[in-house]
PDB file of N, CA and C in Angstrom:
ATOM      1  N   MET A   1       8.225 -18.448 -33.460  1.00  0.00           N
ATOM      2  CA  MET A   1       8.152 -17.459 -32.406  1.00  0.00           C
ATOM      3  C   MET A   1       7.126 -17.819 -31.348  1.00  0.00           C
ATOM      4  N   LYS A   2       6.385 -18.854 -31.548  1.00  0.00           N
ATOM      5  CA  LYS A   2       5.361 -19.225 -30.592  1.00  0.00           C
ATOM      6  C   LYS A   2       5.995 -19.624 -29.262  1.00  0.00           C
ATOM      7  N   GLY A   3       5.479 -19.042 -28.169  1.00  0.00           N
ATOM      8  CA  GLY A   3       5.970 -19.374 -26.851  1.00  0.00           C
ATOM      9  C   GLY A   3       7.182 -18.580 -26.401  1.00  0.00           C
ATOM     10  N   ILE A   4       7.684 -17.645 -27.218  1.00  0.00           N
ATOM     11  CA  ILE A   4       8.834 -16.840 -26.836  1.00  0.00           C
ATOM     12  C   ILE A   4       8.349 -15.687 -25.980  1.00  0.00           C
ATOM     13  N   LYS A   5       9.010 -15.487 -24.856  1.00  0.00           N
ATOM     14  CA  LYS A   5       8.667 -14.372 -23.973  1.00  0.00           C
ATOM     15  C   LYS A   5       9.894 -13.487 -23.842  1.00  0.00           C
ATOM     16  N   LEU A   6       9.757 -12.242 -24.205  1.00  0.00           N
ATOM     17  CA  LEU A   6      10.844 -11.290 -24.102  1.00  0.00           C
ATOM     18  C   LEU A   6      10.586 -10.381 -22.919  1.00  0.00           C
ATOM     19  N   LYS A   7      11.502 -10.353 -21.979  1.00  0.00           N
ATOM     20  CA  LYS A   7      11.318  -9.522 -20.802  1.00  0.00           C
ATOM     21  C   LYS A   7      11.721  -8.090 -21.135  1.00  0.00           C
ATOM     22  N   VAL A   8      10.769  -7.158 -20.987  1.00  0.00           N
ATOM     23  CA  VAL A   8      11.014  -5.762 -21.293  1.00  0.00           C
ATOM     24  C   VAL A   8      11.398  -5.004 -20.030  1.00  0.00           C
ATOM     25  N   SER A   9      10.658  -5.229 -18.967  1.00  0.00           N
ATOM     26  CA  SER A   9      10.956  -4.588 -17.691  1.00  0.00           C
ATOM     27  C   SER A   9      10.496  -5.515 -16.582  1.00  0.00           C
ATOM     28  N   ARG A  10      10.494  -5.004 -15.382  1.00  0.00           N
ATOM     29  CA  ARG A  10      10.139  -5.814 -14.231  1.00  0.00           C
ATOM     30  C   ARG A  10       8.701  -6.327 -14.275  1.00  0.00           C
ATOM     31  N   CYS A  11       7.807  -5.551 -14.848  1.00  0.00           N
ATOM     32  CA  CYS A  11       6.405  -5.933 -14.767  1.00  0.00           C
ATOM     33  C   CYS A  11       5.747  -6.181 -16.121  1.00  0.00           C
ATOM     34  N   LEU A  12       6.480  -6.145 -17.192  1.00  0.00           N
ATOM     35  CA  LEU A  12       5.875  -6.361 -18.502  1.00  0.00           C
ATOM     36  C   LEU A  12       6.626  -7.428 -19.278  1.00  0.00           C
ATOM     37  N   PHE A  13       5.922  -8.146 -20.122  1.00  0.00           N
ATOM     38  CA  PHE A  13       6.590  -8.994 -21.079  1.00  0.00           C
ATOM     39  C   PHE A  13       5.773  -9.013 -22.357  1.00  0.00           C
ATOM     40  N   LEU A  14       6.412  -9.355 -23.442  1.00  0.00           N
ATOM     41  CA  LEU A  14       5.750  -9.403 -24.734  1.00  0.00           C
ATOM     42  C   LEU A  14       5.401 -10.845 -25.054  1.00  0.00           C
ATOM     43  N   GLN A  15       4.213 -11.038 -25.553  1.00  0.00           N
ATOM     44  CA  GLN A  15       3.791 -12.375 -25.929  1.00  0.00           C
ATOM     45  C   GLN A  15       3.270 -12.297 -27.359  1.00  0.00           C
ATOM     46  N   PRO A  16       3.778 -13.151 -28.236  1.00  0.00           N
ATOM     47  CA  PRO A  16       3.323 -13.067 -29.628  1.00  0.00           C
ATOM     48  C   PRO A  16       1.858 -13.460 -29.755  1.00  0.00           C
ATOM     49  N   LYS A  17       1.086 -12.609 -30.424  1.00  0.00           N
ATOM     50  CA  LYS A  17      -0.316 -12.896 -30.682  1.00  0.00           C
ATOM     51  C   LYS A  17      -0.423 -13.688 -31.990  1.00  0.00           C
ATOM     52  N   ASN A  18       0.296 -13.247 -32.968  1.00  0.00           N
ATOM     53  CA  ASN A  18       0.460 -14.014 -34.196  1.00  0.00           C
ATOM     54  C   ASN A  18       1.884 -13.775 -34.684  1.00  0.00           C
ATOM     55  N   LYS A  19       2.177 -13.999 -35.928  1.00  0.00           N
ATOM     56  CA  LYS A  19       3.558 -13.909 -36.394  1.00  0.00           C
ATOM     57  C   LYS A  19       4.144 -12.509 -36.296  1.00  0.00           C
ATOM     58  N   ARG A  20       3.337 -11.481 -36.451  1.00  0.00           N
ATOM     59  CA  ARG A  20       3.884 -10.132 -36.530  1.00  0.00           C
ATOM     60  C   ARG A  20       3.434  -9.189 -35.415  1.00  0.00           C
ATOM     61  N   VAL A  21       2.393  -9.516 -34.702  1.00  0.00           N
ATOM     62  CA  VAL A  21       1.840  -8.607 -33.708  1.00  0.00           C
ATOM     63  C   VAL A  21       2.165  -9.126 -32.303  1.00  0.00           C
ATOM     64  N   PHE A  22       2.661  -8.228 -31.456  1.00  0.00           N
ATOM     65  CA  PHE A  22       2.965  -8.579 -30.081  1.00  0.00           C
ATOM     66  C   PHE A  22       1.968  -7.918 -29.153  1.00  0.00           C
ATOM     67  N   ARG A  23       1.596  -8.614 -28.112  1.00  0.00           N
ATOM     68  CA  ARG A  23       0.693  -8.130 -27.092  1.00  0.00           C
ATOM     69  C   ARG A  23       1.495  -7.870 -25.824  1.00  0.00           C
ATOM     70  N   VAL A  24       1.138  -6.842 -25.085  1.00  0.00           N
ATOM     71  CA  VAL A  24       1.824  -6.541 -23.826  1.00  0.00           C
ATOM     72  C   VAL A  24       0.930  -6.996 -22.688  1.00  0.00           C
ATOM     73  N   LYS A  25       1.491  -7.786 -21.772  1.00  0.00           N
ATOM     74  CA  LYS A  25       0.747  -8.264 -20.602  1.00  0.00           C
ATOM     75  C   LYS A  25       1.352  -7.672 -19.346  1.00  0.00           C
ATOM     76  N   GLN A  26       0.515  -7.406 -18.385  1.00  0.00           N
ATOM     77  CA  GLN A  26       0.948  -6.869 -17.104  1.00  0.00           C
ATOM     78  C   GLN A  26       1.213  -8.018 -16.142  1.00  0.00           C
ATOM     79  N   LEU A  27       2.372  -8.003 -15.488  1.00  0.00           N
ATOM     80  CA  LEU A  27       2.714  -9.040 -14.521  1.00  0.00           C
ATOM     81  C   LEU A  27       2.633  -8.564 -13.085  1.00  0.00           C
ATOM     82  N   GLY A  28       2.473  -7.264 -12.854  1.00  0.00           N
ATOM     83  CA  GLY A  28       2.537  -6.697 -11.508  1.00  0.00           C
ATOM     84  C   GLY A  28       1.460  -7.226 -10.585  1.00  0.00           C
ATOM     85  N   ASN A  29       1.641  -6.979  -9.299  1.00  0.00           N
ATOM     86  CA  ASN A  29       0.683  -7.426  -8.293  1.00  0.00           C
ATOM     87  C   ASN A  29      -0.578  -6.585  -8.332  1.00  0.00           C
ATOM     88  N   VAL A  30      -1.673  -7.189  -7.937  1.00  0.00           N
ATOM     89  CA  VAL A  30      -2.943  -6.475  -7.831  1.00  0.00           C
ATOM     90  C   VAL A  30      -2.945  -5.734  -6.505  1.00  0.00           C
ATOM     91  N   ARG A  31      -3.275  -4.452  -6.521  1.00  0.00           N
ATOM     92  CA  ARG A  31      -3.318  -3.664  -5.286  1.00  0.00           C
ATOM     93  C   ARG A  31      -4.619  -3.930  -4.563  1.00  0.00           C
ATOM     94  N   ARG A  32      -4.514  -4.204  -3.289  1.00  0.00           N
ATOM     95  CA  ARG A  32      -5.700  -4.408  -2.468  1.00  0.00           C
ATOM     96  C   ARG A  32      -5.874  -3.202  -1.561  1.00  0.00           C
ATOM     97  N   SER A  33      -7.101  -2.771  -1.434  1.00  0.00           N
ATOM     98  CA  SER A  33      -7.386  -1.642  -0.537  1.00  0.00           C
ATOM     99  C   SER A  33      -7.207  -2.084   0.903  1.00  0.00           C
ATOM    100  N   PHE A  34      -6.806  -1.137   1.739  1.00  0.00           N
ATOM    101  CA  PHE A  34      -6.706  -1.411   3.168  1.00  0.00           C
ATOM    102  C   PHE A  34      -8.100  -1.357   3.773  1.00  0.00           C
ATOM    103  N   SER A  35      -8.426  -2.323   4.600  1.00  0.00           N
ATOM    104  CA  SER A  35      -9.700  -2.293   5.318  1.00  0.00           C
ATOM    105  C   SER A  35      -9.543  -1.377   6.543  1.00  0.00           C
ATOM    106  N   VAL A  36     -10.663  -1.021   7.134  1.00  0.00           N
ATOM    107  CA  VAL A  36     -10.625  -0.167   8.321  1.00  0.00           C
ATOM    108  C   VAL A  36      -9.912  -0.898   9.460  1.00  0.00           C
ATOM    109  N   ASP A  37     -10.095  -2.215   9.546  1.00  0.00           N
ATOM    110  CA  ASP A  37      -9.402  -2.992  10.580  1.00  0.00           C
ATOM    111  C   ASP A  37      -7.887  -2.962  10.376  1.00  0.00           C
ATOM    112  N   GLU A  38      -7.443  -3.051   9.124  1.00  0.00           N
ATOM    113  CA  GLU A  38      -6.012  -2.986   8.848  1.00  0.00           C
ATOM    114  C   GLU A  38      -5.452  -1.602   9.179  1.00  0.00           C
ATOM    115  N   VAL A  39      -6.216  -0.567   8.856  1.00  0.00           N
ATOM    116  CA  VAL A  39      -5.777   0.798   9.169  1.00  0.00           C
ATOM    117  C   VAL A  39      -5.688   0.984  10.682  1.00  0.00           C
ATOM    118  N   THR A  40      -6.656   0.444  11.407  1.00  0.00           N
ATOM    119  CA  THR A  40      -6.637   0.526  12.868  1.00  0.00           C
ATOM    120  C   THR A  40      -5.408  -0.182  13.436  1.00  0.00           C
ATOM    121  N   ALA A  41      -5.114  -1.374  12.927  1.00  0.00           N
ATOM    122  CA  ALA A  41      -3.931  -2.110  13.390  1.00  0.00           C
ATOM    123  C   ALA A  41      -2.652  -1.353  13.065  1.00  0.00           C
ATOM    124  N   LEU A  42      -2.609  -0.729  11.893  1.00  0.00           N
ATOM    125  CA  LEU A  42      -1.436   0.045  11.496  1.00  0.00           C
ATOM    126  C   LEU A  42      -1.226   1.225  12.436  1.00  0.00           C
ATOM    127  N   VAL A  43      -2.273   1.966  12.720  1.00  0.00           N
ATOM    128  CA  VAL A  43      -2.156   3.155  13.571  1.00  0.00           C
ATOM    129  C   VAL A  43      -1.773   2.761  15.000  1.00  0.00           C
ATOM    130  N   ARG A  44      -2.379   1.717  15.528  1.00  0.00           N
ATOM    131  CA  ARG A  44      -2.041   1.273  16.892  1.00  0.00           C
ATOM    132  C   ARG A  44      -0.596   0.830  16.996  1.00  0.00           C
ATOM    133  N   THR A  45      -0.117   0.115  15.984  1.00  0.00           N
ATOM    134  CA  THR A  45       1.262  -0.369  16.022  1.00  0.00           C
ATOM    135  C   THR A  45       2.250   0.770  15.867  1.00  0.00           C
ATOM    136  N   VAL A  46       1.932   1.743  15.028  1.00  0.00           N
ATOM    137  CA  VAL A  46       2.816   2.904  14.868  1.00  0.00           C
ATOM    138  C   VAL A  46       2.838   3.718  16.154  1.00  0.00           C
ATOM    139  N   GLU A  47       1.711   3.785  16.864  1.00  0.00           N
ATOM    140  CA  GLU A  47       1.695   4.470  18.165  1.00  0.00           C
ATOM    141  C   GLU A  47       2.673   3.817  19.142  1.00  0.00           C
ATOM    142  N   LEU A  48       2.745   2.495  19.096  1.00  0.00           N
ATOM    143  CA  LEU A  48       3.641   1.778  20.010  1.00  0.00           C
ATOM    144  C   LEU A  48       5.110   1.868  19.582  1.00  0.00           C
ATOM    145  N   LEU A  49       5.355   1.649  18.305  1.00  0.00           N
ATOM    146  CA  LEU A  49       6.738   1.518  17.820  1.00  0.00           C
ATOM    147  C   LEU A  49       7.313   2.802  17.239  1.00  0.00           C
ATOM    148  N   ARG A  50       6.483   3.781  16.993  1.00  0.00           N
ATOM    149  CA  ARG A  50       6.862   5.041  16.352  1.00  0.00           C
ATOM    150  C   ARG A  50       7.123   4.836  14.854  1.00  0.00           C
ATOM    151  N   VAL A  51       7.173   5.947  14.182  1.00  0.00           N
ATOM    152  CA  VAL A  51       7.378   5.941  12.734  1.00  0.00           C
ATOM    153  C   VAL A  51       8.823   5.533  12.437  1.00  0.00           C
ATOM    154  N   ARG A  52       9.080   5.100  11.236  1.00  0.00           N
ATOM    155  CA  ARG A  52      10.397   4.690  10.715  1.00  0.00           C
ATOM    156  C   ARG A  52      10.800   3.277  11.115  1.00  0.00           C
ATOM    157  N   ARG A  53       9.918   2.511  11.701  1.00  0.00           N
ATOM    158  CA  ARG A  53      10.238   1.126  12.038  1.00  0.00           C
ATOM    159  C   ARG A  53       9.266   0.212  11.300  1.00  0.00           C
ATOM    160  N   TRP A  54       9.233   0.348   9.994  1.00  0.00           N
ATOM    161  CA  TRP A  54       8.198  -0.304   9.193  1.00  0.00           C
ATOM    162  C   TRP A  54       8.360  -1.817   9.157  1.00  0.00           C
ATOM    163  N   ARG A  55       9.583  -2.307   9.214  1.00  0.00           N
ATOM    164  CA  ARG A  55       9.780  -3.756   9.235  1.00  0.00           C
ATOM    165  C   ARG A  55       9.216  -4.338  10.530  1.00  0.00           C
ATOM    166  N   GLU A  56       9.440  -3.659  11.630  1.00  0.00           N
ATOM    167  CA  GLU A  56       8.905  -4.122  12.908  1.00  0.00           C
ATOM    168  C   GLU A  56       7.381  -4.016  12.953  1.00  0.00           C
ATOM    169  N   VAL A  57       6.832  -2.969  12.339  1.00  0.00           N
ATOM    170  CA  VAL A  57       5.374  -2.836  12.241  1.00  0.00           C
ATOM    171  C   VAL A  57       4.812  -4.008  11.459  1.00  0.00           C
ATOM    172  N   LYS A  58       5.467  -4.345  10.363  1.00  0.00           N
ATOM    173  CA  LYS A  58       5.032  -5.476   9.537  1.00  0.00           C
ATOM    174  C   LYS A  58       5.074  -6.777  10.333  1.00  0.00           C
ATOM    175  N   LEU A  59       6.172  -7.000  11.057  1.00  0.00           N
ATOM    176  CA  LEU A  59       6.313  -8.246  11.806  1.00  0.00           C
ATOM    177  C   LEU A  59       5.331  -8.338  12.964  1.00  0.00           C
ATOM    178  N   GLN A  60       5.035  -7.220  13.608  1.00  0.00           N
ATOM    179  CA  GLN A  60       4.158  -7.260  14.775  1.00  0.00           C
ATOM    180  C   GLN A  60       2.684  -7.307  14.400  1.00  0.00           C
ATOM    181  N   ALA A  61       2.257  -6.470  13.473  1.00  0.00           N
ATOM    182  CA  ALA A  61       0.821  -6.357  13.209  1.00  0.00           C
ATOM    183  C   ALA A  61       0.369  -7.044  11.922  1.00  0.00           C
ATOM    184  N   PHE A  62       1.268  -7.253  10.977  1.00  0.00           N
ATOM    185  CA  PHE A  62       0.885  -7.792   9.680  1.00  0.00           C
ATOM    186  C   PHE A  62       1.713  -9.016   9.305  1.00  0.00           C
ATOM    187  N   SER A  63       2.094  -9.812  10.275  1.00  0.00           N
ATOM    188  CA  SER A  63       2.962 -10.954   9.991  1.00  0.00           C
ATOM    189  C   SER A  63       2.276 -12.001   9.116  1.00  0.00           C
ATOM    190  N   ASP A  64       0.970 -12.118   9.223  1.00  0.00           N
ATOM    191  CA  ASP A  64       0.258 -13.104   8.416  1.00  0.00           C
ATOM    192  C   ASP A  64      -0.228 -12.554   7.078  1.00  0.00           C
ATOM    193  N   ALA A  65      -0.053 -11.269   6.830  1.00  0.00           N
ATOM    194  CA  ALA A  65      -0.497 -10.644   5.573  1.00  0.00           C
ATOM    195  C   ALA A  65       0.668 -10.616   4.590  1.00  0.00           C
ATOM    196  N   ASP A  66       0.769 -11.662   3.775  1.00  0.00           N
ATOM    197  CA  ASP A  66       1.877 -11.749   2.815  1.00  0.00           C
ATOM    198  C   ASP A  66       1.777 -10.708   1.710  1.00  0.00           C
ATOM    199  N   HIS A  67       0.586 -10.195   1.458  1.00  0.00           N
ATOM    200  CA  HIS A  67       0.404  -9.216   0.389  1.00  0.00           C
ATOM    201  C   HIS A  67       0.741  -7.795   0.827  1.00  0.00           C
ATOM    202  N   ARG A  68       1.098  -7.589   2.088  1.00  0.00           N
ATOM    203  CA  ARG A  68       1.491  -6.265   2.587  1.00  0.00           C
ATOM    204  C   ARG A  68       2.987  -6.241   2.864  1.00  0.00           C
ATOM    205  N   THR A  69       3.676  -5.304   2.252  1.00  0.00           N
ATOM    206  CA  THR A  69       5.108  -5.138   2.490  1.00  0.00           C
ATOM    207  C   THR A  69       5.313  -3.955   3.441  1.00  0.00           C
ATOM    208  N   PRO A  70       6.493  -3.843   4.045  1.00  0.00           N
ATOM    209  CA  PRO A  70       6.753  -2.658   4.863  1.00  0.00           C
ATOM    210  C   PRO A  70       6.585  -1.361   4.070  1.00  0.00           C
ATOM    211  N   ARG A  71       6.903  -1.395   2.793  1.00  0.00           N
ATOM    212  CA  ARG A  71       6.730  -0.204   1.948  1.00  0.00           C
ATOM    213  C   ARG A  71       5.248   0.143   1.784  1.00  0.00           C
ATOM    214  N   ASP A  72       4.396  -0.873   1.643  1.00  0.00           N
ATOM    215  CA  ASP A  72       2.950  -0.633   1.565  1.00  0.00           C
ATOM    216  C   ASP A  72       2.443   0.050   2.841  1.00  0.00           C
ATOM    217  N   LEU A  73       2.949  -0.414   3.980  1.00  0.00           N
ATOM    218  CA  LEU A  73       2.522   0.161   5.261  1.00  0.00           C
ATOM    219  C   LEU A  73       2.985   1.608   5.385  1.00  0.00           C
ATOM    220  N   LYS A  74       4.214   1.863   4.967  1.00  0.00           N
ATOM    221  CA  LYS A  74       4.736   3.233   5.007  1.00  0.00           C
ATOM    222  C   LYS A  74       3.924   4.148   4.095  1.00  0.00           C
ATOM    223  N   ASP A  75       3.631   3.682   2.893  1.00  0.00           N
ATOM    224  CA  ASP A  75       2.845   4.488   1.956  1.00  0.00           C
ATOM    225  C   ASP A  75       1.452   4.776   2.510  1.00  0.00           C
ATOM    226  N   LYS A  76       0.820   3.765   3.097  1.00  0.00           N
ATOM    227  CA  LYS A  76      -0.518   3.960   3.653  1.00  0.00           C
ATOM    228  C   LYS A  76      -0.490   4.943   4.815  1.00  0.00           C
ATOM    229  N   TYR A  77       0.520   4.828   5.673  1.00  0.00           N
ATOM    230  CA  TYR A  77       0.612   5.749   6.805  1.00  0.00           C
ATOM    231  C   TYR A  77       0.826   7.184   6.322  1.00  0.00           C
ATOM    232  N   ASN A  78       1.686   7.358   5.331  1.00  0.00           N
ATOM    233  CA  ASN A  78       1.904   8.703   4.783  1.00  0.00           C
ATOM    234  C   ASN A  78       0.638   9.241   4.132  1.00  0.00           C
ATOM    235  N   THR A  79      -0.153   8.367   3.517  1.00  0.00           N
ATOM    236  CA  THR A  79      -1.435   8.784   2.950  1.00  0.00           C
ATOM    237  C   THR A  79      -2.394   9.202   4.055  1.00  0.00           C
ATOM    238  N   LEU A  80      -2.373   8.489   5.181  1.00  0.00           N
ATOM    239  CA  LEU A  80      -3.216   8.875   6.313  1.00  0.00           C
ATOM    240  C   LEU A  80      -2.819  10.237   6.871  1.00  0.00           C
ATOM    241  N   VAL A  81      -1.519  10.496   6.955  1.00  0.00           N
ATOM    242  CA  VAL A  81      -1.044  11.799   7.435  1.00  0.00           C
ATOM    243  C   VAL A  81      -1.528  12.894   6.489  1.00  0.00           C
ATOM    244  N   HIS A  82      -1.462  12.626   5.193  1.00  0.00           N
ATOM    245  CA  HIS A  82      -1.948  13.608   4.212  1.00  0.00           C
ATOM    246  C   HIS A  82      -3.464  13.796   4.347  1.00  0.00           C
ATOM    247  N   THR A  83      -4.188  12.712   4.579  1.00  0.00           N
ATOM    248  CA  THR A  83      -5.644  12.779   4.720  1.00  0.00           C
ATOM    249  C   THR A  83      -6.040  13.628   5.913  1.00  0.00           C
ATOM    250  N   VAL A  84      -5.277  13.545   7.002  1.00  0.00           N
ATOM    251  CA  VAL A  84      -5.577  14.350   8.185  1.00  0.00           C
ATOM    252  C   VAL A  84      -5.470  15.832   7.863  1.00  0.00           C
ATOM    253  N   ARG A  85      -4.540  16.177   7.006  1.00  0.00           N
ATOM    254  CA  ARG A  85      -4.241  17.590   6.731  1.00  0.00           C
ATOM    255  C   ARG A  85      -5.166  18.232   5.707  1.00  0.00           C
ATOM    256  N   ILE A  86      -5.942  17.463   4.965  1.00  0.00           N
ATOM    257  CA  ILE A  86      -6.824  18.057   3.957  1.00  0.00           C
ATOM    258  C   ILE A  86      -8.245  18.153   4.505  1.00  0.00           C
ATOM    259  N   SER A  87      -9.067  18.946   3.847  1.00  0.00           N
ATOM    260  CA  SER A  87     -10.438  19.157   4.326  1.00  0.00           C
ATOM    261  C   SER A  87     -11.316  17.941   4.026  1.00  0.00           C
ATOM    262  N   LEU A  88     -12.434  17.870   4.711  1.00  0.00           N
ATOM    263  CA  LEU A  88     -13.367  16.751   4.528  1.00  0.00           C
ATOM    264  C   LEU A  88     -13.897  16.669   3.101  1.00  0.00           C
ATOM    265  N   GLU A  89     -14.082  17.812   2.457  1.00  0.00           N
ATOM    266  CA  GLU A  89     -14.630  17.830   1.106  1.00  0.00           C
ATOM    267  C   GLU A  89     -13.656  17.238   0.092  1.00  0.00           C
ATOM    268  N   GLN A  90     -12.373  17.339   0.383  1.00  0.00           N
ATOM    269  CA  GLN A  90     -11.367  16.840  -0.554  1.00  0.00           C
ATOM    270  C   GLN A  90     -11.082  15.357  -0.381  1.00  0.00           C
ATOM    271  N   ARG A  91     -11.533  14.765   0.700  1.00  0.00           N
ATOM    272  CA  ARG A  91     -11.266  13.352   0.956  1.00  0.00           C
ATOM    273  C   ARG A  91     -12.143  12.484   0.074  1.00  0.00           C
ATOM    274  N   ARG A  92     -11.567  11.363  -0.362  1.00  0.00           N
ATOM    275  CA  ARG A  92     -12.331  10.428  -1.181  1.00  0.00           C
ATOM    276  C   ARG A  92     -11.942   9.014  -0.789  1.00  0.00           C
ATOM    277  N   GLY A  93     -12.665   8.042  -1.308  1.00  0.00           N
ATOM    278  CA  GLY A  93     -12.387   6.656  -0.954  1.00  0.00           C
ATOM    279  C   GLY A  93     -13.111   6.263   0.322  1.00  0.00           C
ATOM    280  N   LYS A  94     -12.607   5.206   0.948  1.00  0.00           N
ATOM    281  CA  LYS A  94     -13.232   4.719   2.187  1.00  0.00           C
ATOM    282  C   LYS A  94     -13.101   5.772   3.276  1.00  0.00           C
ATOM    283  N   SER A  95     -14.171   5.948   4.040  1.00  0.00           N
ATOM    284  CA  SER A  95     -14.107   6.916   5.132  1.00  0.00           C
ATOM    285  C   SER A  95     -13.436   6.276   6.335  1.00  0.00           C
ATOM    286  N   ILE A  96     -12.485   6.970   6.878  1.00  0.00           N
ATOM    287  CA  ILE A  96     -11.749   6.533   8.051  1.00  0.00           C
ATOM    288  C   ILE A  96     -12.346   7.264   9.255  1.00  0.00           C
ATOM    289  N   PRO A  97     -12.610   6.574  10.364  1.00  0.00           N
ATOM    290  CA  PRO A  97     -13.159   7.253  11.542  1.00  0.00           C
ATOM    291  C   PRO A  97     -12.263   8.401  12.007  1.00  0.00           C
ATOM    292  N   GLN A  98     -12.881   9.493  12.411  1.00  0.00           N
ATOM    293  CA  GLN A  98     -12.141  10.691  12.791  1.00  0.00           C
ATOM    294  C   GLN A  98     -11.223  10.451  13.990  1.00  0.00           C
ATOM    295  N   GLU A  99     -11.658   9.643  14.956  1.00  0.00           N
ATOM    296  CA  GLU A  99     -10.797   9.379  16.114  1.00  0.00           C
ATOM    297  C   GLU A  99      -9.515   8.650  15.710  1.00  0.00           C
ATOM    298  N   LEU A 100      -9.601   7.842  14.667  1.00  0.00           N
ATOM    299  CA  LEU A 100      -8.409   7.172  14.153  1.00  0.00           C
ATOM    300  C   LEU A 100      -7.476   8.173  13.481  1.00  0.00           C
ATOM    301  N   LEU A 101      -8.049   9.118  12.749  1.00  0.00           N
ATOM    302  CA  LEU A 101      -7.234  10.158  12.106  1.00  0.00           C
ATOM    303  C   LEU A 101      -6.598  11.076  13.150  1.00  0.00           C
ATOM    304  N   ASP A 102      -7.303  11.305  14.243  1.00  0.00           N
ATOM    305  CA  ASP A 102      -6.715  12.101  15.329  1.00  0.00           C
ATOM    306  C   ASP A 102      -5.499  11.398  15.928  1.00  0.00           C
ATOM    307  N   LYS A 103      -5.590  10.078  16.072  1.00  0.00           N
ATOM    308  CA  LYS A 103      -4.453   9.310  16.578  1.00  0.00           C
ATOM    309  C   LYS A 103      -3.269   9.387  15.618  1.00  0.00           C
ATOM    310  N   VAL A 104      -3.558   9.384  14.316  1.00  0.00           N
ATOM    311  CA  VAL A 104      -2.496   9.503  13.309  1.00  0.00           C
ATOM    312  C   VAL A 104      -1.777  10.837  13.477  1.00  0.00           C
ATOM    313  N   LEU A 105      -2.553  11.888  13.648  1.00  0.00           N
ATOM    314  CA  LEU A 105      -1.955  13.215  13.805  1.00  0.00           C
ATOM    315  C   LEU A 105      -1.088  13.301  15.057  1.00  0.00           C
ATOM    316  N   ILE A 106      -1.575  12.747  16.162  1.00  0.00           N
ATOM    317  CA  ILE A 106      -0.814  12.768  17.408  1.00  0.00           C
ATOM    318  C   ILE A 106       0.476  11.951  17.263  1.00  0.00           C
ATOM    319  N   ALA A 107       0.366  10.758  16.698  1.00  0.00           N
ATOM    320  CA  ALA A 107       1.545   9.907  16.526  1.00  0.00           C
ATOM    321  C   ALA A 107       2.549  10.544  15.586  1.00  0.00           C
ATOM    322  N   HIS A 108       2.034  11.233  14.578  1.00  0.00           N
ATOM    323  CA  HIS A 108       2.945  11.862  13.610  1.00  0.00           C
ATOM    324  C   HIS A 108       3.688  13.052  14.219  1.00  0.00           C
ATOM    325  N   THR A 109       3.001  13.827  15.047  1.00  0.00           N
ATOM    326  CA  THR A 109       3.665  14.972  15.665  1.00  0.00           C
ATOM    327  C   THR A 109       4.679  14.534  16.722  1.00  0.00           C
ATOM    328  N   LEU A 110       4.386  13.426  17.396  1.00  0.00           N
ATOM    329  CA  LEU A 110       5.335  12.901  18.375  1.00  0.00           C
ATOM    330  C   LEU A 110       6.509  12.213  17.696  1.00  0.00           C
ATOM    331  N   GLY A 111       6.222  11.639  16.514  1.00  0.00           N
ATOM    332  CA  GLY A 111       7.100  10.942  15.635  1.00  0.00           C
ATOM    333  C   GLY A 111       8.391  10.541  16.002  1.00  0.00           C
TER     334      GLY A 111
END
């Protein structure tokens, strides 16, 4: 059984530790936090192209970022919209400048 890999799902596989015990390893990608510069580029590009054009946002502003997919950009933008709507006390993580959050709100309402 040494060296046998059984695919269980998209992101997991079983690897034999010894004859009877199997270990589960994670194959998924490591999530990287968005920097303030990336968030700024995302908001500026969405202002220009409008929401729902995530592939074009990816090609225009994140063409060199192979670790960012259009889905990642959409998820981050939706998180920013949610962040604008909650109070300051409930926000956590990296602080985003308020003027950037104001732009998110304006772009989202114009949507």
